[in-house]
PDB file of N, CA and C in Angstrom:
ATOM      1  N   MET A   1      98.920 189.137 134.620  1.00  0.00           N
ATOM      2  CA  MET A   1      98.317 188.751 135.873  1.00  0.00           C
ATOM      3  C   MET A   1      97.535 187.450 135.672  1.00  0.00           C
ATOM      4  N   LYS A   2      97.664 186.556 136.587  1.00  0.00           N
ATOM      5  CA  LYS A   2      97.007 185.265 136.518  1.00  0.00           C
ATOM      6  C   LYS A   2      95.644 185.344 137.211  1.00  0.00           C
ATOM      7  N   THR A   3      94.599 184.781 136.562  1.00  0.00           N
ATOM      8  CA  THR A   3      93.271 184.766 137.182  1.00  0.00           C
ATOM      9  C   THR A   3      93.168 183.591 138.132  1.00  0.00           C
ATOM     10  N   PRO A   4      92.433 183.729 139.234  1.00  0.00           N
ATOM     11  CA  PRO A   4      92.337 182.644 140.212  1.00  0.00           C
ATOM     12  C   PRO A   4      91.402 181.514 139.781  1.00  0.00           C
ATOM     13  N   PHE A   5      90.673 181.708 138.663  1.00  0.00           N
ATOM     14  CA  PHE A   5      89.705 180.705 138.235  1.00  0.00           C
ATOM     15  C   PHE A   5      90.181 179.995 136.985  1.00  0.00           C
ATOM     16  N   LYS A   6      89.790 178.754 136.853  1.00  0.00           N
ATOM     17  CA  LYS A   6      90.082 178.014 135.633  1.00  0.00           C
ATOM     18  C   LYS A   6      89.182 178.536 134.524  1.00  0.00           C
ATOM     19  N   SER A   7      89.544 178.246 133.303  1.00  0.00           N
ATOM     20  CA  SER A   7      88.762 178.746 132.174  1.00  0.00           C
ATOM     21  C   SER A   7      87.416 178.037 132.034  1.00  0.00           C
ATOM     22  N   SER A   8      87.279 176.839 132.576  1.00  0.00           N
ATOM     23  CA  SER A   8      85.998 176.147 132.485  1.00  0.00           C
ATOM     24  C   SER A   8      85.030 176.692 133.529  1.00  0.00           C
ATOM     25  N   CYS A   9      83.769 176.611 133.214  1.00  0.00           N
ATOM     26  CA  CYS A   9      82.723 177.133 134.092  1.00  0.00           C
ATOM     27  C   CYS A   9      82.352 176.085 135.134  1.00  0.00           C
ATOM     28  N   ILE A  10      81.976 176.529 136.311  1.00  0.00           N
ATOM     29  CA  ILE A  10      81.548 175.604 137.372  1.00  0.00           C
ATOM     30  C   ILE A  10      80.302 174.830 136.949  1.00  0.00           C
ATOM     31  N   TYR A  11      79.494 175.413 136.072  1.00  0.00           N
ATOM     32  CA  TYR A  11      78.260 174.758 135.633  1.00  0.00           C
ATOM     33  C   TYR A  11      78.511 173.667 134.598  1.00  0.00           C
ATOM     34  N   ASP A  12      79.755 173.520 134.148  1.00  0.00           N
ATOM     35  CA  ASP A  12      80.084 172.440 133.223  1.00  0.00           C
ATOM     36  C   ASP A  12      80.100 171.089 133.919  1.00  0.00           C
ATOM     37  N   ASN A  13      80.181 171.082 135.228  1.00  0.00           N
ATOM     38  CA  ASN A  13      80.211 169.850 135.994  1.00  0.00           C
ATOM     39  C   ASN A  13      78.781 169.447 136.354  1.00  0.00           C
ATOM     40  N   PRO A  14      78.259 168.330 135.807  1.00  0.00           N
ATOM     41  CA  PRO A  14      76.865 167.954 136.066  1.00  0.00           C
ATOM     42  C   PRO A  14      76.558 167.588 137.515  1.00  0.00           C
ATOM     43  N   GLN A  15      77.573 167.214 138.304  1.00  0.00           N
ATOM     44  CA  GLN A  15      77.318 166.897 139.708  1.00  0.00           C
ATOM     45  C   GLN A  15      77.056 168.158 140.523  1.00  0.00           C
ATOM     46  N   ILE A  16      77.558 169.291 140.081  1.00  0.00           N
ATOM     47  CA  ILE A  16      77.381 170.534 140.822  1.00  0.00           C
ATOM     48  C   ILE A  16      76.032 171.174 140.520  1.00  0.00           C
ATOM     49  N   CYS A  17      75.619 171.145 139.273  1.00  0.00           N
ATOM     50  CA  CYS A  17      74.395 171.836 138.878  1.00  0.00           C
ATOM     51  C   CYS A  17      73.557 170.959 137.948  1.00  0.00           C
ATOM     52  N   PRO A  18      72.846 169.972 138.470  1.00  0.00           N
ATOM     53  CA  PRO A  18      72.101 169.054 137.608  1.00  0.00           C
ATOM     54  C   PRO A  18      70.874 169.677 136.954  1.00  0.00           C
ATOM     55  N   ASP A  19      70.394 170.815 137.431  1.00  0.00           N
ATOM     56  CA  ASP A  19      69.175 171.403 136.884  1.00  0.00           C
ATOM     57  C   ASP A  19      69.372 171.998 135.494  1.00  0.00           C
ATOM     58  N   ILE A  20      70.608 172.110 135.018  1.00  0.00           N
ATOM     59  CA  ILE A  20      70.807 172.649 133.681  1.00  0.00           C
ATOM     60  C   ILE A  20      70.523 171.625 132.601  1.00  0.00           C
ATOM     61  N   HIS A  21      70.393 170.366 132.978  1.00  0.00           N
ATOM     62  CA  HIS A  21      70.059 169.332 132.009  1.00  0.00           C
ATOM     63  C   HIS A  21      68.585 169.410 131.670  1.00  0.00           C
ATOM     64  N   LYS A  22      68.236 169.038 130.456  1.00  0.00           N
ATOM     65  CA  LYS A  22      66.848 169.114 129.998  1.00  0.00           C
ATOM     66  C   LYS A  22      65.944 168.072 130.657  1.00  0.00           C
ATOM     67  N   ASN A  23      66.496 167.094 131.348  1.00  0.00           N
ATOM     68  CA  ASN A  23      65.672 166.067 131.977  1.00  0.00           C
ATOM     69  C   ASN A  23      65.158 166.474 133.348  1.00  0.00           C
ATOM     70  N   SER A  24      65.652 167.543 133.904  1.00  0.00           N
ATOM     71  CA  SER A  24      65.224 167.940 135.238  1.00  0.00           C
ATOM     72  C   SER A  24      64.603 169.326 135.200  1.00  0.00           C
ATOM     73  N   SER A  25      63.861 169.634 136.218  1.00  0.00           N
ATOM     74  CA  SER A  25      63.227 170.942 136.350  1.00  0.00           C
ATOM     75  C   SER A  25      63.790 171.651 137.567  1.00  0.00           C
ATOM     76  N   LYS A  26      63.702 172.961 137.541  1.00  0.00           N
ATOM     77  CA  LYS A  26      64.170 173.764 138.665  1.00  0.00           C
ATOM     78  C   LYS A  26      62.975 174.492 139.247  1.00  0.00           C
ATOM     79  N   VAL A  27      62.757 174.325 140.549  1.00  0.00           N
ATOM     80  CA  VAL A  27      61.650 174.971 141.246  1.00  0.00           C
ATOM     81  C   VAL A  27      62.251 175.966 142.233  1.00  0.00           C
ATOM     82  N   THR A  28      61.878 177.234 142.086  1.00  0.00           N
ATOM     83  CA  THR A  28      62.357 178.290 142.969  1.00  0.00           C
ATOM     84  C   THR A  28      61.168 178.838 143.735  1.00  0.00           C
ATOM     85  N   ILE A  29      61.262 178.841 145.064  1.00  0.00           N
ATOM     86  CA  ILE A  29      60.166 179.303 145.925  1.00  0.00           C
ATOM     87  C   ILE A  29      60.607 180.578 146.632  1.00  0.00           C
ATOM     88  N   HIS A  30      59.801 181.619 146.501  1.00  0.00           N
ATOM     89  CA  HIS A  30      60.067 182.881 147.190  1.00  0.00           C
ATOM     90  C   HIS A  30      59.004 183.050 148.275  1.00  0.00           C
ATOM     91  N   SER A  31      59.419 182.830 149.515  1.00  0.00           N
ATOM     92  CA  SER A  31      58.526 182.886 150.668  1.00  0.00           C
ATOM     93  C   SER A  31      57.340 181.968 150.391  1.00  0.00           C
ATOM     94  N   ASN A  32      56.130 182.393 150.749  1.00  0.00           N
ATOM     95  CA  ASN A  32      54.950 181.602 150.401  1.00  0.00           C
ATOM     96  C   ASN A  32      54.097 182.357 149.380  1.00  0.00           C
ATOM     97  N   LYS A  33      54.743 183.236 148.615  1.00  0.00           N
ATOM     98  CA  LYS A  33      54.006 184.101 147.686  1.00  0.00           C
ATOM     99  C   LYS A  33      54.262 183.806 146.218  1.00  0.00           C
ATOM    100  N   CYS A  34      55.344 183.124 145.874  1.00  0.00           N
ATOM    101  CA  CYS A  34      55.714 182.983 144.467  1.00  0.00           C
ATOM    102  C   CYS A  34      56.478 181.687 144.239  1.00  0.00           C
ATOM    103  N   VAL A  35      56.159 180.996 143.133  1.00  0.00           N
ATOM    104  CA  VAL A  35      56.879 179.795 142.712  1.00  0.00           C
ATOM    105  C   VAL A  35      57.227 179.968 141.239  1.00  0.00           C
ATOM    106  N   LEU A  36      58.479 179.708 140.899  1.00  0.00           N
ATOM    107  CA  LEU A  36      58.942 179.747 139.519  1.00  0.00           C
ATOM    108  C   LEU A  36      59.418 178.346 139.157  1.00  0.00           C
ATOM    109  N   ILE A  37      58.841 177.770 138.101  1.00  0.00           N
ATOM    110  CA  ILE A  37      59.213 176.428 137.661  1.00  0.00           C
ATOM    111  C   ILE A  37      59.825 176.550 136.274  1.00  0.00           C
ATOM    112  N   GLU A  38      61.064 176.090 136.146  1.00  0.00           N
ATOM    113  CA  GLU A  38      61.754 176.106 134.868  1.00  0.00           C
ATOM    114  C   GLU A  38      61.782 174.699 134.285  1.00  0.00           C
ATOM    115  N   ASN A  39      61.688 174.610 132.969  1.00  0.00           N
ATOM    116  CA  ASN A  39      61.737 173.355 132.226  1.00  0.00           C
ATOM    117  C   ASN A  39      60.545 172.451 132.570  1.00  0.00           C
ATOM    118  N   PHE A  40      59.337 172.951 132.313  1.00  0.00           N
ATOM    119  CA  PHE A  40      58.132 172.158 132.531  1.00  0.00           C
ATOM    120  C   PHE A  40      57.569 171.718 131.184  1.00  0.00           C
ATOM    121  N   LYS A  41      56.678 170.717 131.210  1.00  0.00           N
ATOM    122  CA  LYS A  41      56.092 170.203 129.973  1.00  0.00           C
ATOM    123  C   LYS A  41      54.719 170.805 129.687  1.00  0.00           C
ATOM    124  N   SER A  42      53.828 170.818 130.690  1.00  0.00           N
ATOM    125  CA  SER A  42      52.480 171.317 130.431  1.00  0.00           C
ATOM    126  C   SER A  42      51.786 171.720 131.726  1.00  0.00           C
ATOM    127  N   ILE A  43      50.716 172.486 131.552  1.00  0.00           N
ATOM    128  CA  ILE A  43      49.840 172.883 132.656  1.00  0.00           C
ATOM    129  C   ILE A  43      48.663 171.909 132.642  1.00  0.00           C
ATOM    130  N   LEU A  44      48.471 171.178 133.738  1.00  0.00           N
ATOM    131  CA  LEU A  44      47.422 170.161 133.791  1.00  0.00           C
ATOM    132  C   LEU A  44      46.102 170.683 134.346  1.00  0.00           C
ATOM    133  N   PHE A  45      46.168 171.520 135.378  1.00  0.00           N
ATOM    134  CA  PHE A  45      44.952 171.950 136.065  1.00  0.00           C
ATOM    135  C   PHE A  45      45.182 173.330 136.657  1.00  0.00           C
ATOM    136  N   VAL A  46      44.156 174.191 136.550  1.00  0.00           N
ATOM    137  CA  VAL A  46      44.264 175.536 137.110  1.00  0.00           C
ATOM    138  C   VAL A  46      42.960 175.891 137.814  1.00  0.00           C
ATOM    139  N   SER A  47      43.062 176.301 139.073  1.00  0.00           N
ATOM    140  CA  SER A  47      41.959 176.913 139.813  1.00  0.00           C
ATOM    141  C   SER A  47      42.581 177.918 140.781  1.00  0.00           C
ATOM    142  N   THR A  48      41.758 178.630 141.495  1.00  0.00           N
ATOM    143  CA  THR A  48      42.298 179.605 142.449  1.00  0.00           C
ATOM    144  C   THR A  48      42.902 178.928 143.679  1.00  0.00           C
ATOM    145  N   ASN A  49      42.598 177.621 143.883  1.00  0.00           N
ATOM    146  CA  ASN A  49      43.105 176.889 145.051  1.00  0.00           C
ATOM    147  C   ASN A  49      44.186 175.866 144.725  1.00  0.00           C
ATOM    148  N   GLU A  50      44.336 175.502 143.444  1.00  0.00           N
ATOM    149  CA  GLU A  50      45.342 174.501 143.071  1.00  0.00           C
ATOM    150  C   GLU A  50      45.750 174.686 141.614  1.00  0.00           C
ATOM    151  N   ILE A  51      47.038 174.516 141.366  1.00  0.00           N
ATOM    152  CA  ILE A  51      47.592 174.510 140.013  1.00  0.00           C
ATOM    153  C   ILE A  51      48.509 173.300 139.909  1.00  0.00           C
ATOM    154  N   SER A  52      48.312 172.496 138.862  1.00  0.00           N
ATOM    155  CA  SER A  52      49.131 171.302 138.653  1.00  0.00           C
ATOM    156  C   SER A  52      49.956 171.476 137.387  1.00  0.00           C
ATOM    157  N   ILE A  53      51.256 171.208 137.511  1.00  0.00           N
ATOM    158  CA  ILE A  53      52.208 171.369 136.421  1.00  0.00           C
ATOM    159  C   ILE A  53      52.913 170.041 136.184  1.00  0.00           C
ATOM    160  N   LYS A  54      52.984 169.615 134.925  1.00  0.00           N
ATOM    161  CA  LYS A  54      53.676 168.377 134.580  1.00  0.00           C
ATOM    162  C   LYS A  54      55.094 168.697 134.129  1.00  0.00           C
ATOM    163  N   THR A  55      56.052 167.983 134.709  1.00  0.00           N
ATOM    164  CA  THR A  55      57.439 168.040 134.268  1.00  0.00           C
ATOM    165  C   THR A  55      57.806 166.666 133.742  1.00  0.00           C
ATOM    166  N   LYS A  56      59.021 166.471 133.298  1.00  0.00           N
ATOM    167  CA  LYS A  56      59.407 165.156 132.775  1.00  0.00           C
ATOM    168  C   LYS A  56      59.391 164.073 133.843  1.00  0.00           C
ATOM    169  N   MET A  57      59.761 164.435 135.072  1.00  0.00           N
ATOM    170  CA  MET A  57      59.878 163.421 136.111  1.00  0.00           C
ATOM    171  C   MET A  57      58.741 163.452 137.126  1.00  0.00           C
ATOM    172  N   PHE A  58      58.068 164.597 137.291  1.00  0.00           N
ATOM    173  CA  PHE A  58      57.063 164.753 138.343  1.00  0.00           C
ATOM    174  C   PHE A  58      55.848 165.515 137.838  1.00  0.00           C
ATOM    175  N   THR A  59      54.775 165.394 138.608  1.00  0.00           N
ATOM    176  CA  THR A  59      53.665 166.332 138.520  1.00  0.00           C
ATOM    177  C   THR A  59      53.720 167.141 139.806  1.00  0.00           C
ATOM    178  N   ILE A  60      53.763 168.462 139.672  1.00  0.00           N
ATOM    179  CA  ILE A  60      53.872 169.352 140.818  1.00  0.00           C
ATOM    180  C   ILE A  60      52.515 169.973 141.076  1.00  0.00           C
ATOM    181  N   HIS A  61      51.982 169.766 142.287  1.00  0.00           N
ATOM    182  CA  HIS A  61      50.692 170.326 142.699  1.00  0.00           C
ATOM    183  C   HIS A  61      50.965 171.463 143.678  1.00  0.00           C
ATOM    184  N   ILE A  62      50.534 172.658 143.324  1.00  0.00           N
ATOM    185  CA  ILE A  62      50.700 173.827 144.179  1.00  0.00           C
ATOM    186  C   ILE A  62      49.326 174.170 144.722  1.00  0.00           C
ATOM    187  N   GLN A  63      49.195 174.171 146.051  1.00  0.00           N
ATOM    188  CA  GLN A  63      47.915 174.444 146.691  1.00  0.00           C
ATOM    189  C   GLN A  63      48.013 175.713 147.523  1.00  0.00           C
ATOM    190  N   GLY A  64      46.912 176.468 147.567  1.00  0.00           N
ATOM    191  CA  GLY A  64      46.886 177.696 148.334  1.00  0.00           C
ATOM    192  C   GLY A  64      45.624 178.483 148.068  1.00  0.00           C
ATOM    193  N   ASN A  65      45.691 179.785 148.247  1.00  0.00           N
ATOM    194  CA  ASN A  65      44.556 180.679 148.032  1.00  0.00           C
ATOM    195  C   ASN A  65      44.931 181.755 147.033  1.00  0.00           C
ATOM    196  N   ASN A  66      43.971 182.160 146.235  1.00  0.00           N
ATOM    197  CA  ASN A  66      44.159 183.224 145.235  1.00  0.00           C
ATOM    198  C   ASN A  66      45.350 182.960 144.322  1.00  0.00           C
ATOM    199  N   LEU A  67      45.521 181.721 143.878  1.00  0.00           N
ATOM    200  CA  LEU A  67      46.628 181.367 143.002  1.00  0.00           C
ATOM    201  C   LEU A  67      46.371 181.878 141.586  1.00  0.00           C
ATOM    202  N   THR A  68      47.402 182.445 140.985  1.00  0.00           N
ATOM    203  CA  THR A  68      47.322 182.913 139.605  1.00  0.00           C
ATOM    204  C   THR A  68      48.603 182.559 138.881  1.00  0.00           C
ATOM    205  N   ILE A  69      48.492 182.396 137.582  1.00  0.00           N
ATOM    206  CA  ILE A  69      49.670 182.228 136.735  1.00  0.00           C
ATOM    207  C   ILE A  69      50.020 183.611 136.216  1.00  0.00           C
ATOM    208  N   ASP A  70      51.124 184.158 136.681  1.00  0.00           N
ATOM    209  CA  ASP A  70      51.550 185.496 136.267  1.00  0.00           C
ATOM    210  C   ASP A  70      51.985 185.509 134.807  1.00  0.00           C
ATOM    211  N   TYR A  71      52.773 184.502 134.421  1.00  0.00           N
ATOM    212  CA  TYR A  71      53.176 184.355 133.030  1.00  0.00           C
ATOM    213  C   TYR A  71      53.696 182.947 132.818  1.00  0.00           C
ATOM    214  N   TYR A  72      53.732 182.532 131.566  1.00  0.00           N
ATOM    215  CA  TYR A  72      54.402 181.291 131.219  1.00  0.00           C
ATOM    216  C   TYR A  72      54.953 181.407 129.808  1.00  0.00           C
ATOM    217  N   THR A  73      56.065 180.742 129.599  1.00  0.00           N
ATOM    218  CA  THR A  73      56.687 180.636 128.289  1.00  0.00           C
ATOM    219  C   THR A  73      56.842 179.147 128.010  1.00  0.00           C
ATOM    220  N   SER A  74      57.496 178.814 126.927  1.00  0.00           N
ATOM    221  CA  SER A  74      57.724 177.397 126.632  1.00  0.00           C
ATOM    222  C   SER A  74      58.728 176.772 127.599  1.00  0.00           C
ATOM    223  N   TYR A  75      59.396 177.610 128.390  1.00  0.00           N
ATOM    224  CA  TYR A  75      60.440 177.114 129.282  1.00  0.00           C
ATOM    225  C   TYR A  75      60.116 177.279 130.769  1.00  0.00           C
ATOM    226  N   GLU A  76      59.390 178.340 131.156  1.00  0.00           N
ATOM    227  CA  GLU A  76      59.164 178.579 132.578  1.00  0.00           C
ATOM    228  C   GLU A  76      57.766 179.117 132.839  1.00  0.00           C
ATOM    229  N   ILE A  77      57.351 178.974 134.102  1.00  0.00           N
ATOM    230  CA  ILE A  77      56.050 179.460 134.539  1.00  0.00           C
ATOM    231  C   ILE A  77      56.203 180.088 135.923  1.00  0.00           C
ATOM    232  N   LYS A  78      55.489 181.198 136.144  1.00  0.00           N
ATOM    233  CA  LYS A  78      55.519 181.865 137.442  1.00  0.00           C
ATOM    234  C   LYS A  78      54.109 181.850 138.024  1.00  0.00           C
ATOM    235  N   ILE A  79      53.994 181.341 139.252  1.00  0.00           N
ATOM    236  CA  ILE A  79      52.723 181.218 139.964  1.00  0.00           C
ATOM    237  C   ILE A  79      52.800 182.051 141.225  1.00  0.00           C
ATOM    238  N   SER A  80      51.768 182.873 141.446  1.00  0.00           N
ATOM    239  CA  SER A  80      51.716 183.731 142.635  1.00  0.00           C
ATOM    240  C   SER A  80      50.429 183.483 143.404  1.00  0.00           C
ATOM    241  N   GLY A  81      50.436 183.887 144.654  1.00  0.00           N
ATOM    242  CA  GLY A  81      49.285 183.755 145.540  1.00  0.00           C
ATOM    243  C   GLY A  81      49.761 183.432 146.942  1.00  0.00           C
ATOM    244  N   ASN A  82      48.841 182.979 147.767  1.00  0.00           N
ATOM    245  CA  ASN A  82      49.175 182.549 149.122  1.00  0.00           C
ATOM    246  C   ASN A  82      49.385 181.038 149.076  1.00  0.00           C
ATOM    247  N   ILE A  83      50.631 180.604 148.939  1.00  0.00           N
ATOM    248  CA  ILE A  83      50.957 179.194 148.736  1.00  0.00           C
ATOM    249  C   ILE A  83      51.052 178.487 150.079  1.00  0.00           C
ATOM    250  N   CYS A  84      50.282 177.404 150.210  1.00  0.00           N
ATOM    251  CA  CYS A  84      50.239 176.632 151.462  1.00  0.00           C
ATOM    252  C   CYS A  84      50.979 175.301 151.366  1.00  0.00           C
ATOM    253  N   ASN A  85      50.997 174.705 150.162  1.00  0.00           N
ATOM    254  CA  ASN A  85      51.531 173.346 150.037  1.00  0.00           C
ATOM    255  C   ASN A  85      52.046 173.141 148.618  1.00  0.00           C
ATOM    256  N   ILE A  86      53.182 172.447 148.495  1.00  0.00           N
ATOM    257  CA  ILE A  86      53.701 172.026 147.203  1.00  0.00           C
ATOM    258  C   ILE A  86      53.971 170.532 147.306  1.00  0.00           C
ATOM    259  N   LYS A  87      53.365 169.764 146.398  1.00  0.00           N
ATOM    260  CA  LYS A  87      53.447 168.308 146.446  1.00  0.00           C
ATOM    261  C   LYS A  87      53.976 167.787 145.117  1.00  0.00           C
ATOM    262  N   TYR A  88      54.872 166.811 145.169  1.00  0.00           N
ATOM    263  CA  TYR A  88      55.430 166.179 143.989  1.00  0.00           C
ATOM    264  C   TYR A  88      54.882 164.764 143.874  1.00  0.00           C
ATOM    265  N   ASP A  89      54.365 164.412 142.684  1.00  0.00           N
ATOM    266  CA  ASP A  89      53.946 163.046 142.384  1.00  0.00           C
ATOM    267  C   ASP A  89      54.788 162.528 141.228  1.00  0.00           C
ATOM    268  N   SER A  90      55.210 161.262 141.315  1.00  0.00           N
ATOM    269  CA  SER A  90      55.955 160.668 140.216  1.00  0.00           C
ATOM    270  C   SER A  90      55.046 160.479 139.014  1.00  0.00           C
ATOM    271  N   ASN A  91      55.615 160.699 137.831  1.00  0.00           N
ATOM    272  CA  ASN A  91      54.831 160.491 136.591  1.00  0.00           C
ATOM    273  C   ASN A  91      54.764 159.036 136.252  1.00  0.00           C
TER     274      ASN A  91
END
């Protein structure tokens, strides 16, 4: 039986999924309660009203109320709370 898909993965094409490259970051927003940032460099600032994260290309400012960092690893960070604003600044 022949499979309908080619043996190469769709993610092998950089035009389809550029976030898999180490030069970019992936930001996933779930409603206004949770933000997951993959491939970040460092945490710049933390308070209950604002958290700033540095990536290779941007500084991401997350503003809201009762913000907390649920967890972070060397690759990703999860921020929860009542998120009101997400702002990107060029590095």
